[in-house]
Amino acid sequence: MWTRETRGRMAELGRKAKRYPSDLTDEEWARIEPLLPKPSRRGRKPSVDLREVLNAIRYMARSAGGWRMLPVHFGPWQTVYWWFRRFVRRLLFRTIHDVALMLDREAAG
């Protein structure tokens, strides 16, 4: 089981080095982060780094692997899948895709 400390270290390591071509750049993350759901004011604080969740989802989309084949450094596949379903229900993927596409087009000129 992943502890909060382990997840924090893995997320920090992930930000220092881009592990996969599908990982979010800092610029992409800066534009996407405000679109994500805010943590609830009540209840437990989220113990998940949403940037790592999005990196995992993007990895899954690019690799076309099964959820259970998700590399362990992304965290439990069940957690990533739960967030994926939440984003789909909120129709956030279209917005996130459009932002990433806009950044790619700006970079290409």
PDB file of N, CA and C in Angstrom:
ATOM      1  N   MET A   1       0.841  -1.183   0.000  1.00  0.00           N
ATOM      2  CA  MET A   1       0.000   0.000   0.000  1.00  0.00           C
ATOM      3  C   MET A   1       0.885   1.244   0.000  1.00  0.00           C
ATOM      4  N   TRP A   2       0.504   2.215  -0.751  1.00  0.00           N
ATOM      5  CA  TRP A   2       1.268   3.445  -0.859  1.00  0.00           C
ATOM      6  C   TRP A   2       0.957   4.349   0.321  1.00  0.00           C
ATOM      7  N   THR A   3       1.993   4.837   0.974  1.00  0.00           N
ATOM      8  CA  THR A   3       1.795   5.808   2.046  1.00  0.00           C
ATOM      9  C   THR A   3       1.794   7.198   1.439  1.00  0.00           C
ATOM     10  N   ARG A   4       1.301   8.143   2.211  1.00  0.00           N
ATOM     11  CA  ARG A   4       1.257   9.528   1.729  1.00  0.00           C
ATOM     12  C   ARG A   4       2.672  10.031   1.443  1.00  0.00           C
ATOM     13  N   GLU A   5       3.621   9.650   2.302  1.00  0.00           N
ATOM     14  CA  GLU A   5       5.005  10.070   2.119  1.00  0.00           C
ATOM     15  C   GLU A   5       5.587   9.502   0.827  1.00  0.00           C
ATOM     16  N   THR A   6       5.308   8.228   0.557  1.00  0.00           N
ATOM     17  CA  THR A   6       5.809   7.590  -0.668  1.00  0.00           C
ATOM     18  C   THR A   6       5.219   8.258  -1.897  1.00  0.00           C
ATOM     19  N   ARG A   7       3.911   8.518  -1.863  1.00  0.00           N
ATOM     20  CA  ARG A   7       3.272   9.188  -3.007  1.00  0.00           C
ATOM     21  C   ARG A   7       3.873  10.563  -3.228  1.00  0.00           C
ATOM     22  N   GLY A   8       4.135  11.285  -2.132  1.00  0.00           N
ATOM     23  CA  GLY A   8       4.719  12.618  -2.247  1.00  0.00           C
ATOM     24  C   GLY A   8       6.102  12.585  -2.870  1.00  0.00           C
ATOM     25  N   ARG A   9       6.918  11.612  -2.433  1.00  0.00           N
ATOM     26  CA  ARG A   9       8.262  11.485  -3.004  1.00  0.00           C
ATOM     27  C   ARG A   9       8.193  11.105  -4.476  1.00  0.00           C
ATOM     28  N   MET A  10       7.293  10.192  -4.831  1.00  0.00           N
ATOM     29  CA  MET A  10       7.164   9.781  -6.227  1.00  0.00           C
ATOM     30  C   MET A  10       6.697  10.948  -7.089  1.00  0.00           C
ATOM     31  N   ALA A  11       5.754  11.738  -6.568  1.00  0.00           N
ATOM     32  CA  ALA A  11       5.261  12.886  -7.333  1.00  0.00           C
ATOM     33  C   ALA A  11       6.375  13.918  -7.525  1.00  0.00           C
ATOM     34  N   GLU A  12       7.168  14.134  -6.473  1.00  0.00           N
ATOM     35  CA  GLU A  12       8.275  15.086  -6.568  1.00  0.00           C
ATOM     36  C   GLU A  12       9.311  14.603  -7.579  1.00  0.00           C
ATOM     37  N   LEU A  13       9.619  13.329  -7.545  1.00  0.00           N
ATOM     38  CA  LEU A  13      10.554  12.747  -8.498  1.00  0.00           C
ATOM     39  C   LEU A  13      10.009  12.892  -9.917  1.00  0.00           C
ATOM     40  N   GLY A  14       8.714  12.655 -10.078  1.00  0.00           N
ATOM     41  CA  GLY A  14       8.084  12.761 -11.386  1.00  0.00           C
ATOM     42  C   GLY A  14       8.160  14.166 -11.948  1.00  0.00           C
ATOM     43  N   ARG A  15       8.071  15.170 -11.076  1.00  0.00           N
ATOM     44  CA  ARG A  15       8.142  16.551 -11.546  1.00  0.00           C
ATOM     45  C   ARG A  15       9.555  16.945 -11.944  1.00  0.00           C
ATOM     46  N   LYS A  16      10.544  16.351 -11.280  1.00  0.00           N
ATOM     47  CA  LYS A  16      11.935  16.693 -11.586  1.00  0.00           C
ATOM     48  C   LYS A  16      12.367  16.137 -12.934  1.00  0.00           C
ATOM     49  N   ALA A  17      11.919  14.944 -13.258  1.00  0.00           N
ATOM     50  CA  ALA A  17      12.340  14.295 -14.494  1.00  0.00           C
ATOM     51  C   ALA A  17      11.111  13.805 -15.245  1.00  0.00           C
ATOM     52  N   LYS A  18      11.030  14.161 -16.499  1.00  0.00           N
ATOM     53  CA  LYS A  18       9.932  13.685 -17.324  1.00  0.00           C
ATOM     54  C   LYS A  18      10.215  12.227 -17.662  1.00  0.00           C
ATOM     55  N   ARG A  19       9.354  11.335 -17.184  1.00  0.00           N
ATOM     56  CA  ARG A  19       9.608   9.902 -17.356  1.00  0.00           C
ATOM     57  C   ARG A  19       9.145   9.382 -18.700  1.00  0.00           C
ATOM     58  N   TYR A  20       8.037   9.909 -19.187  1.00  0.00           N
ATOM     59  CA  TYR A  20       7.442   9.416 -20.428  1.00  0.00           C
ATOM     60  C   TYR A  20       7.137  10.600 -21.341  1.00  0.00           C
ATOM     61  N   PRO A  21       7.110  10.366 -22.648  1.00  0.00           N
ATOM     62  CA  PRO A  21       6.755  11.454 -23.568  1.00  0.00           C
ATOM     63  C   PRO A  21       5.347  11.997 -23.314  1.00  0.00           C
ATOM     64  N   SER A  22       4.485  11.196 -22.714  1.00  0.00           N
ATOM     65  CA  SER A  22       3.115  11.623 -22.474  1.00  0.00           C
ATOM     66  C   SER A  22       2.962  12.477 -21.218  1.00  0.00           C
ATOM     67  N   ASP A  23       4.004  12.617 -20.402  1.00  0.00           N
ATOM     68  CA  ASP A  23       3.907  13.412 -19.173  1.00  0.00           C
ATOM     69  C   ASP A  23       3.643  14.875 -19.500  1.00  0.00           C
ATOM     70  N   LEU A  24       2.894  15.521 -18.619  1.00  0.00           N
ATOM     71  CA  LEU A  24       2.586  16.937 -18.780  1.00  0.00           C
ATOM     72  C   LEU A  24       3.834  17.790 -18.587  1.00  0.00           C
ATOM     73  N   THR A  25       3.989  18.799 -19.422  1.00  0.00           N
ATOM     74  CA  THR A  25       5.053  19.771 -19.196  1.00  0.00           C
ATOM     75  C   THR A  25       4.574  20.747 -18.132  1.00  0.00           C
ATOM     76  N   ASP A  26       5.488  21.538 -17.603  1.00  0.00           N
ATOM     77  CA  ASP A  26       5.102  22.529 -16.593  1.00  0.00           C
ATOM     78  C   ASP A  26       4.121  23.545 -17.168  1.00  0.00           C
ATOM     79  N   GLU A  27       4.315  23.931 -18.423  1.00  0.00           N
ATOM     80  CA  GLU A  27       3.416  24.897 -19.062  1.00  0.00           C
ATOM     81  C   GLU A  27       2.011  24.312 -19.230  1.00  0.00           C
ATOM     82  N   GLU A  28       1.943  23.062 -19.677  1.00  0.00           N
ATOM     83  CA  GLU A  28       0.635  22.410 -19.812  1.00  0.00           C
ATOM     84  C   GLU A  28      -0.062  22.321 -18.453  1.00  0.00           C
ATOM     85  N   TRP A  29       0.691  21.919 -17.433  1.00  0.00           N
ATOM     86  CA  TRP A  29       0.114  21.789 -16.097  1.00  0.00           C
ATOM     87  C   TRP A  29      -0.396  23.141 -15.585  1.00  0.00           C
ATOM     88  N   ALA A  30       0.352  24.207 -15.828  1.00  0.00           N
ATOM     89  CA  ALA A  30      -0.062  25.536 -15.368  1.00  0.00           C
ATOM     90  C   ALA A  30      -1.392  25.955 -16.001  1.00  0.00           C
ATOM     91  N   ARG A  31      -1.622  25.543 -17.233  1.00  0.00           N
ATOM     92  CA  ARG A  31      -2.875  25.907 -17.908  1.00  0.00           C
ATOM     93  C   ARG A  31      -4.030  24.981 -17.548  1.00  0.00           C
ATOM     94  N   ILE A  32      -3.725  23.725 -17.245  1.00  0.00           N
ATOM     95  CA  ILE A  32      -4.768  22.735 -16.965  1.00  0.00           C
ATOM     96  C   ILE A  32      -5.206  22.751 -15.510  1.00  0.00           C
ATOM     97  N   GLU A  33      -4.287  23.006 -14.592  1.00  0.00           N
ATOM     98  CA  GLU A  33      -4.594  22.914 -13.157  1.00  0.00           C
ATOM     99  C   GLU A  33      -5.823  23.725 -12.735  1.00  0.00           C
ATOM    100  N   PRO A  34      -6.008  24.962 -13.214  1.00  0.00           N
ATOM    101  CA  PRO A  34      -7.206  25.709 -12.782  1.00  0.00           C
ATOM    102  C   PRO A  34      -8.527  25.080 -13.233  1.00  0.00           C
ATOM    103  N   LEU A  35      -8.496  24.208 -14.231  1.00  0.00           N
ATOM    104  CA  LEU A  35      -9.720  23.580 -14.741  1.00  0.00           C
ATOM    105  C   LEU A  35     -10.153  22.384 -13.903  1.00  0.00           C
ATOM    106  N   LEU A  36      -9.255  21.859 -13.082  1.00  0.00           N
ATOM    107  CA  LEU A  36      -9.531  20.643 -12.322  1.00  0.00           C
ATOM    108  C   LEU A  36     -10.415  20.937 -11.117  1.00  0.00           C
ATOM    109  N   PRO A  37     -11.139  19.919 -10.644  1.00  0.00           N
ATOM    110  CA  PRO A  37     -12.017  20.131  -9.493  1.00  0.00           C
ATOM    111  C   PRO A  37     -11.222  20.521  -8.250  1.00  0.00           C
ATOM    112  N   LYS A  38     -11.756  21.474  -7.511  1.00  0.00           N
ATOM    113  CA  LYS A  38     -11.117  21.924  -6.282  1.00  0.00           C
ATOM    114  C   LYS A  38     -11.427  20.938  -5.161  1.00  0.00           C
ATOM    115  N   PRO A  39     -10.486  20.770  -4.213  1.00  0.00           N
ATOM    116  CA  PRO A  39     -10.764  19.866  -3.088  1.00  0.00           C
ATOM    117  C   PRO A  39     -11.909  20.401  -2.238  1.00  0.00           C
ATOM    118  N   SER A  40     -12.654  19.496  -1.678  1.00  0.00           N
ATOM    119  CA  SER A  40     -13.771  19.865  -0.828  1.00  0.00           C
ATOM    120  C   SER A  40     -13.260  20.580   0.416  1.00  0.00           C
ATOM    121  N   ARG A  41     -14.017  21.553   0.888  1.00  0.00           N
ATOM    122  CA  ARG A  41     -13.616  22.271   2.102  1.00  0.00           C
ATOM    123  C   ARG A  41     -13.846  21.409   3.335  1.00  0.00           C
ATOM    124  N   ARG A  42     -14.740  20.471   3.215  1.00  0.00           N
ATOM    125  CA  ARG A  42     -15.044  19.584   4.330  1.00  0.00           C
ATOM    126  C   ARG A  42     -14.439  18.214   4.064  1.00  0.00           C
ATOM    127  N   GLY A  43     -14.253  17.475   5.122  1.00  0.00           N
ATOM    128  CA  GLY A  43     -13.767  16.110   4.957  1.00  0.00           C
ATOM    129  C   GLY A  43     -12.260  16.024   4.861  1.00  0.00           C
ATOM    130  N   ARG A  44     -11.826  14.900   4.420  1.00  0.00           N
ATOM    131  CA  ARG A  44     -10.403  14.592   4.340  1.00  0.00           C
ATOM    132  C   ARG A  44      -9.741  15.315   3.180  1.00  0.00           C
ATOM    133  N   LYS A  45      -8.504  15.720   3.370  1.00  0.00           N
ATOM    134  CA  LYS A  45      -7.731  16.333   2.292  1.00  0.00           C
ATOM    135  C   LYS A  45      -7.359  15.258   1.268  1.00  0.00           C
ATOM    136  N   PRO A  46      -7.389  15.595  -0.026  1.00  0.00           N
ATOM    137  CA  PRO A  46      -7.019  14.602  -1.040  1.00  0.00           C
ATOM    138  C   PRO A  46      -5.560  14.182  -0.872  1.00  0.00           C
ATOM    139  N   SER A  47      -5.305  12.909  -1.019  1.00  0.00           N
ATOM    140  CA  SER A  47      -3.939  12.400  -0.890  1.00  0.00           C
ATOM    141  C   SER A  47      -3.366  12.029  -2.256  1.00  0.00           C
ATOM    142  N   VAL A  48      -3.969  12.550  -3.300  1.00  0.00           N
ATOM    143  CA  VAL A  48      -3.566  12.207  -4.671  1.00  0.00           C
ATOM    144  C   VAL A  48      -3.048  13.458  -5.363  1.00  0.00           C
ATOM    145  N   ASP A  49      -1.944  13.321  -6.069  1.00  0.00           N
ATOM    146  CA  ASP A  49      -1.405  14.396  -6.887  1.00  0.00           C
ATOM    147  C   ASP A  49      -2.086  14.312  -8.249  1.00  0.00           C
ATOM    148  N   LEU A  50      -2.936  15.279  -8.559  1.00  0.00           N
ATOM    149  CA  LEU A  50      -3.707  15.218  -9.809  1.00  0.00           C
ATOM    150  C   LEU A  50      -2.812  15.295 -11.048  1.00  0.00           C
ATOM    151  N   ARG A  51      -1.671  15.924 -10.923  1.00  0.00           N
ATOM    152  CA  ARG A  51      -0.751  15.949 -12.071  1.00  0.00           C
ATOM    153  C   ARG A  51      -0.293  14.533 -12.395  1.00  0.00           C
ATOM    154  N   GLU A  52       0.026  13.752 -11.364  1.00  0.00           N
ATOM    155  CA  GLU A  52       0.441  12.368 -11.591  1.00  0.00           C
ATOM    156  C   GLU A  52      -0.718  11.528 -12.118  1.00  0.00           C
ATOM    157  N   VAL A  53      -1.925  11.814 -11.659  1.00  0.00           N
ATOM    158  CA  VAL A  53      -3.100  11.093 -12.164  1.00  0.00           C
ATOM    159  C   VAL A  53      -3.263  11.378 -13.654  1.00  0.00           C
ATOM    160  N   LEU A  54      -3.150  12.647 -14.035  1.00  0.00           N
ATOM    161  CA  LEU A  54      -3.264  12.990 -15.464  1.00  0.00           C
ATOM    162  C   LEU A  54      -2.114  12.394 -16.269  1.00  0.00           C
ATOM    163  N   ASN A  55      -0.906  12.377 -15.703  1.00  0.00           N
ATOM    164  CA  ASN A  55       0.208  11.716 -16.391  1.00  0.00           C
ATOM    165  C   ASN A  55      -0.107  10.245 -16.615  1.00  0.00           C
ATOM    166  N   ALA A  56      -0.683   9.599 -15.606  1.00  0.00           N
ATOM    167  CA  ALA A  56      -1.024   8.177 -15.727  1.00  0.00           C
ATOM    168  C   ALA A  56      -2.098   7.963 -16.791  1.00  0.00           C
ATOM    169  N   ILE A  57      -3.107   8.827 -16.812  1.00  0.00           N
ATOM    170  CA  ILE A  57      -4.180   8.689 -17.797  1.00  0.00           C
ATOM    171  C   ILE A  57      -3.639   8.924 -19.208  1.00  0.00           C
ATOM    172  N   ARG A  58      -2.785   9.915 -19.356  1.00  0.00           N
ATOM    173  CA  ARG A  58      -2.191  10.173 -20.666  1.00  0.00           C
ATOM    174  C   ARG A  58      -1.305   9.013 -21.094  1.00  0.00           C
ATOM    175  N   TYR A  59      -0.582   8.422 -20.134  1.00  0.00           N
ATOM    176  CA  TYR A  59       0.236   7.241 -20.425  1.00  0.00           C
ATOM    177  C   TYR A  59      -0.649   6.104 -20.926  1.00  0.00           C
ATOM    178  N   MET A  60      -1.769   5.891 -20.246  1.00  0.00           N
ATOM    179  CA  MET A  60      -2.685   4.816 -20.643  1.00  0.00           C
ATOM    180  C   MET A  60      -3.233   5.061 -22.049  1.00  0.00           C
ATOM    181  N   ALA A  61      -3.566   6.299 -22.342  1.00  0.00           N
ATOM    182  CA  ALA A  61      -4.112   6.617 -23.666  1.00  0.00           C
ATOM    183  C   ALA A  61      -3.075   6.387 -24.765  1.00  0.00           C
ATOM    184  N   ARG A  62      -1.818   6.728 -24.491  1.00  0.00           N
ATOM    185  CA  ARG A  62      -0.765   6.558 -25.496  1.00  0.00           C
ATOM    186  C   ARG A  62      -0.324   5.113 -25.649  1.00  0.00           C
ATOM    187  N   SER A  63      -0.302   4.360 -24.531  1.00  0.00           N
ATOM    188  CA  SER A  63       0.212   2.996 -24.586  1.00  0.00           C
ATOM    189  C   SER A  63      -0.853   1.973 -24.938  1.00  0.00           C
ATOM    190  N   ALA A  64      -2.117   2.337 -24.789  1.00  0.00           N
ATOM    191  CA  ALA A  64      -3.244   1.441 -25.074  1.00  0.00           C
ATOM    192  C   ALA A  64      -3.173   0.163 -24.255  1.00  0.00           C
ATOM    193  N   GLY A  65      -2.620   0.279 -23.058  1.00  0.00           N
ATOM    194  CA  GLY A  65      -2.545  -0.879 -22.165  1.00  0.00           C
ATOM    195  C   GLY A  65      -3.789  -0.969 -21.296  1.00  0.00           C
ATOM    196  N   GLY A  66      -3.925  -2.057 -20.596  1.00  0.00           N
ATOM    197  CA  GLY A  66      -5.027  -2.222 -19.669  1.00  0.00           C
ATOM    198  C   GLY A  66      -4.743  -1.500 -18.362  1.00  0.00           C
ATOM    199  N   TRP A  67      -5.790  -1.178 -17.636  1.00  0.00           N
ATOM    200  CA  TRP A  67      -5.628  -0.461 -16.367  1.00  0.00           C
ATOM    201  C   TRP A  67      -4.719  -1.212 -15.410  1.00  0.00           C
ATOM    202  N   ARG A  68      -4.842  -2.516 -15.388  1.00  0.00           N
ATOM    203  CA  ARG A  68      -4.032  -3.305 -14.457  1.00  0.00           C
ATOM    204  C   ARG A  68      -2.563  -3.352 -14.863  1.00  0.00           C
ATOM    205  N   MET A  69      -2.242  -2.885 -16.050  1.00  0.00           N
ATOM    206  CA  MET A  69      -0.857  -2.864 -16.522  1.00  0.00           C
ATOM    207  C   MET A  69      -0.191  -1.508 -16.268  1.00  0.00           C
ATOM    208  N   LEU A  70      -0.860  -0.614 -15.564  1.00  0.00           N
ATOM    209  CA  LEU A  70      -0.313   0.707 -15.262  1.00  0.00           C
ATOM    210  C   LEU A  70       0.945   0.555 -14.399  1.00  0.00           C
ATOM    211  N   PRO A  71       2.059   1.198 -14.773  1.00  0.00           N
ATOM    212  CA  PRO A  71       3.268   1.102 -13.949  1.00  0.00           C
ATOM    213  C   PRO A  71       3.005   1.539 -12.512  1.00  0.00           C
ATOM    214  N   VAL A  72       3.634   0.866 -11.574  1.00  0.00           N
ATOM    215  CA  VAL A  72       3.329   1.072 -10.155  1.00  0.00           C
ATOM    216  C   VAL A  72       3.696   2.459  -9.653  1.00  0.00           C
ATOM    217  N   HIS A  73       4.649   3.145 -10.268  1.00  0.00           N
ATOM    218  CA  HIS A  73       5.021   4.461  -9.747  1.00  0.00           C
ATOM    219  C   HIS A  73       3.924   5.504  -9.954  1.00  0.00           C
ATOM    220  N   PHE A  74       2.908   5.195 -10.743  1.00  0.00           N
ATOM    221  CA  PHE A  74       1.759   6.097 -10.863  1.00  0.00           C
ATOM    222  C   PHE A  74       0.793   5.936  -9.699  1.00  0.00           C
ATOM    223  N   GLY A  75       0.960   4.900  -8.924  1.00  0.00           N
ATOM    224  CA  GLY A  75       0.048   4.616  -7.820  1.00  0.00           C
ATOM    225  C   GLY A  75      -0.904   3.496  -8.200  1.00  0.00           C
ATOM    226  N   PRO A  76      -1.853   3.201  -7.325  1.00  0.00           N
ATOM    227  CA  PRO A  76      -2.793   2.113  -7.604  1.00  0.00           C
ATOM    228  C   PRO A  76      -3.647   2.407  -8.843  1.00  0.00           C
ATOM    229  N   TRP A  77      -3.805   1.408  -9.690  1.00  0.00           N
ATOM    230  CA  TRP A  77      -4.580   1.615 -10.918  1.00  0.00           C
ATOM    231  C   TRP A  77      -6.034   1.955 -10.586  1.00  0.00           C
ATOM    232  N   GLN A  78      -6.544   1.434  -9.472  1.00  0.00           N
ATOM    233  CA  GLN A  78      -7.931   1.712  -9.097  1.00  0.00           C
ATOM    234  C   GLN A  78      -8.142   3.207  -8.834  1.00  0.00           C
ATOM    235  N   THR A  79      -7.155   3.842  -8.218  1.00  0.00           N
ATOM    236  CA  THR A  79      -7.250   5.284  -7.942  1.00  0.00           C
ATOM    237  C   THR A  79      -7.238   6.078  -9.240  1.00  0.00           C
ATOM    238  N   VAL A  80      -6.330   5.727 -10.128  1.00  0.00           N
ATOM    239  CA  VAL A  80      -6.239   6.424 -11.415  1.00  0.00           C
ATOM    240  C   VAL A  80      -7.531   6.233 -12.200  1.00  0.00           C
ATOM    241  N   TYR A  81      -8.062   5.019 -12.183  1.00  0.00           N
ATOM    242  CA  TYR A  81      -9.304   4.748 -12.902  1.00  0.00           C
ATOM    243  C   TYR A  81     -10.460   5.540 -12.296  1.00  0.00           C
ATOM    244  N   TRP A  82     -10.523   5.647 -10.968  1.00  0.00           N
ATOM    245  CA  TRP A  82     -11.591   6.412 -10.323  1.00  0.00           C
ATOM    246  C   TRP A  82     -11.552   7.868 -10.773  1.00  0.00           C
ATOM    247  N   TRP A  83     -10.358   8.455 -10.809  1.00  0.00           N
ATOM    248  CA  TRP A  83     -10.247   9.844 -11.272  1.00  0.00           C
ATOM    249  C   TRP A  83     -10.582   9.964 -12.753  1.00  0.00           C
ATOM    250  N   PHE A  84     -10.182   8.980 -13.541  1.00  0.00           N
ATOM    251  CA  PHE A  84     -10.526   8.982 -14.961  1.00  0.00           C
ATOM    252  C   PHE A  84     -12.044   9.046 -15.143  1.00  0.00           C
ATOM    253  N   ARG A  85     -12.765   8.196 -14.419  1.00  0.00           N
ATOM    254  CA  ARG A  85     -14.234   8.186 -14.514  1.00  0.00           C
ATOM    255  C   ARG A  85     -14.814   9.523 -14.055  1.00  0.00           C
ATOM    256  N   ARG A  86     -14.239  10.109 -13.027  1.00  0.00           N
ATOM    257  CA  ARG A  86     -14.725  11.408 -12.538  1.00  0.00           C
ATOM    258  C   ARG A  86     -14.528  12.493 -13.599  1.00  0.00           C
ATOM    259  N   PHE A  87     -13.356  12.503 -14.237  1.00  0.00           N
ATOM    260  CA  PHE A  87     -13.101  13.491 -15.291  1.00  0.00           C
ATOM    261  C   PHE A  87     -14.037  13.290 -16.474  1.00  0.00           C
ATOM    262  N   VAL A  88     -14.302  12.052 -16.829  1.00  0.00           N
ATOM    263  CA  VAL A  88     -15.203  11.768 -17.949  1.00  0.00           C
ATOM    264  C   VAL A  88     -16.604  12.274 -17.630  1.00  0.00           C
ATOM    265  N   ARG A  89     -17.081  12.005 -16.423  1.00  0.00           N
ATOM    266  CA  ARG A  89     -18.424  12.456 -16.038  1.00  0.00           C
ATOM    267  C   ARG A  89     -18.542  13.972 -16.049  1.00  0.00           C
ATOM    268  N   ARG A  90     -17.461  14.657 -15.720  1.00  0.00           N
ATOM    269  CA  ARG A  90     -17.487  16.120 -15.692  1.00  0.00           C
ATOM    270  C   ARG A  90     -17.132  16.738 -17.055  1.00  0.00           C
ATOM    271  N   LEU A  91     -16.909  15.930 -18.038  1.00  0.00           N
ATOM    272  CA  LEU A  91     -16.566  16.376 -19.394  1.00  0.00           C
ATOM    273  C   LEU A  91     -15.293  17.220 -19.426  1.00  0.00           C
ATOM    274  N   LEU A  92     -14.363  16.922 -18.531  1.00  0.00           N
ATOM    275  CA  LEU A  92     -13.122  17.694 -18.478  1.00  0.00           C
ATOM    276  C   LEU A  92     -12.115  17.273 -19.542  1.00  0.00           C
ATOM    277  N   PHE A  93     -12.230  16.066 -20.066  1.00  0.00           N
ATOM    278  CA  PHE A  93     -11.214  15.615 -21.004  1.00  0.00           C
ATOM    279  C   PHE A  93     -11.218  16.418 -22.296  1.00  0.00           C
ATOM    280  N   ARG A  94     -12.353  16.830 -22.738  1.00  0.00           N
ATOM    281  CA  ARG A  94     -12.413  17.651 -23.956  1.00  0.00           C
ATOM    282  C   ARG A  94     -11.681  18.971 -23.731  1.00  0.00           C
ATOM    283  N   THR A  95     -11.906  19.582 -22.590  1.00  0.00           N
ATOM    284  CA  THR A  95     -11.252  20.847 -22.265  1.00  0.00           C
ATOM    285  C   THR A  95      -9.747  20.670 -22.130  1.00  0.00           C
ATOM    286  N   ILE A  96      -9.328  19.628 -21.410  1.00  0.00           N
ATOM    287  CA  ILE A  96      -7.903  19.365 -21.229  1.00  0.00           C
ATOM    288  C   ILE A  96      -7.244  19.083 -22.577  1.00  0.00           C
ATOM    289  N   HIS A  97      -7.918  18.319 -23.427  1.00  0.00           N
ATOM    290  CA  HIS A  97      -7.393  18.032 -24.765  1.00  0.00           C
ATOM    291  C   HIS A  97      -7.235  19.318 -25.572  1.00  0.00           C
ATOM    292  N   ASP A  98      -8.239  20.184 -25.513  1.00  0.00           N
ATOM    293  CA  ASP A  98      -8.179  21.435 -26.267  1.00  0.00           C
ATOM    294  C   ASP A  98      -7.028  22.327 -25.800  1.00  0.00           C
ATOM    295  N   VAL A  99      -6.801  22.382 -24.485  1.00  0.00           N
ATOM    296  CA  VAL A  99      -5.694  23.184 -23.951  1.00  0.00           C
ATOM    297  C   VAL A  99      -4.358  22.626 -24.427  1.00  0.00           C
ATOM    298  N   ALA A 100      -4.176  21.312 -24.335  1.00  0.00           N
ATOM    299  CA  ALA A 100      -2.923  20.701 -24.778  1.00  0.00           C
ATOM    300  C   ALA A 100      -2.712  20.906 -26.279  1.00  0.00           C
ATOM    301  N   LEU A 101      -3.769  20.786 -27.057  1.00  0.00           N
ATOM    302  CA  LEU A 101      -3.674  21.004 -28.501  1.00  0.00           C
ATOM    303  C   LEU A 101      -3.287  22.444 -28.809  1.00  0.00           C
ATOM    304  N   MET A 102      -3.875  23.388 -28.091  1.00  0.00           N
ATOM    305  CA  MET A 102      -3.549  24.803 -28.290  1.00  0.00           C
ATOM    306  C   MET A 102      -2.073  25.056 -27.986  1.00  0.00           C
ATOM    307  N   LEU A 103      -1.554  24.465 -26.915  1.00  0.00           N
ATOM    308  CA  LEU A 103      -0.138  24.654 -26.572  1.00  0.00           C
ATOM    309  C   LEU A 103       0.774  24.048 -27.639  1.00  0.00           C
ATOM    310  N   ASP A 104       0.402  22.899 -28.167  1.00  0.00           N
ATOM    311  CA  ASP A 104       1.198  22.285 -29.230  1.00  0.00           C
ATOM    312  C   ASP A 104       1.203  23.144 -30.483  1.00  0.00           C
ATOM    313  N   ARG A 105       0.073  23.711 -30.816  1.00  0.00           N
ATOM    314  CA  ARG A 105      -0.005  24.566 -32.007  1.00  0.00           C
ATOM    315  C   ARG A 105       0.790  25.846 -31.833  1.00  0.00           C
ATOM    316  N   GLU A 106       0.751  26.411 -30.603  1.00  0.00           N
ATOM    317  CA  GLU A 106       1.559  27.611 -30.333  1.00  0.00           C
ATOM    318  C   GLU A 106       3.041  27.299 -30.469  1.00  0.00           C
ATOM    319  N   ALA A 107       3.457  26.140 -29.966  1.00  0.00           N
ATOM    320  CA  ALA A 107       4.872  25.764 -30.033  1.00  0.00           C
ATOM    321  C   ALA A 107       5.309  25.516 -31.477  1.00  0.00           C
ATOM    322  N   ALA A 108       4.399  24.997 -32.293  1.00  0.00           N
ATOM    323  CA  ALA A 108       4.734  24.710 -33.687  1.00  0.00           C
ATOM    324  C   ALA A 108       4.706  25.974 -34.546  1.00  0.00           C
ATOM    325  N   GLY A 109       4.071  27.026 -34.042  1.00  0.00           N
ATOM    326  CA  GLY A 109       4.003  28.267 -34.791  1.00  0.00           C
ATOM    327  C   GLY A 109       2.739  28.314 -35.559  1.00  0.00           C
TER     328      GLY A 109
END
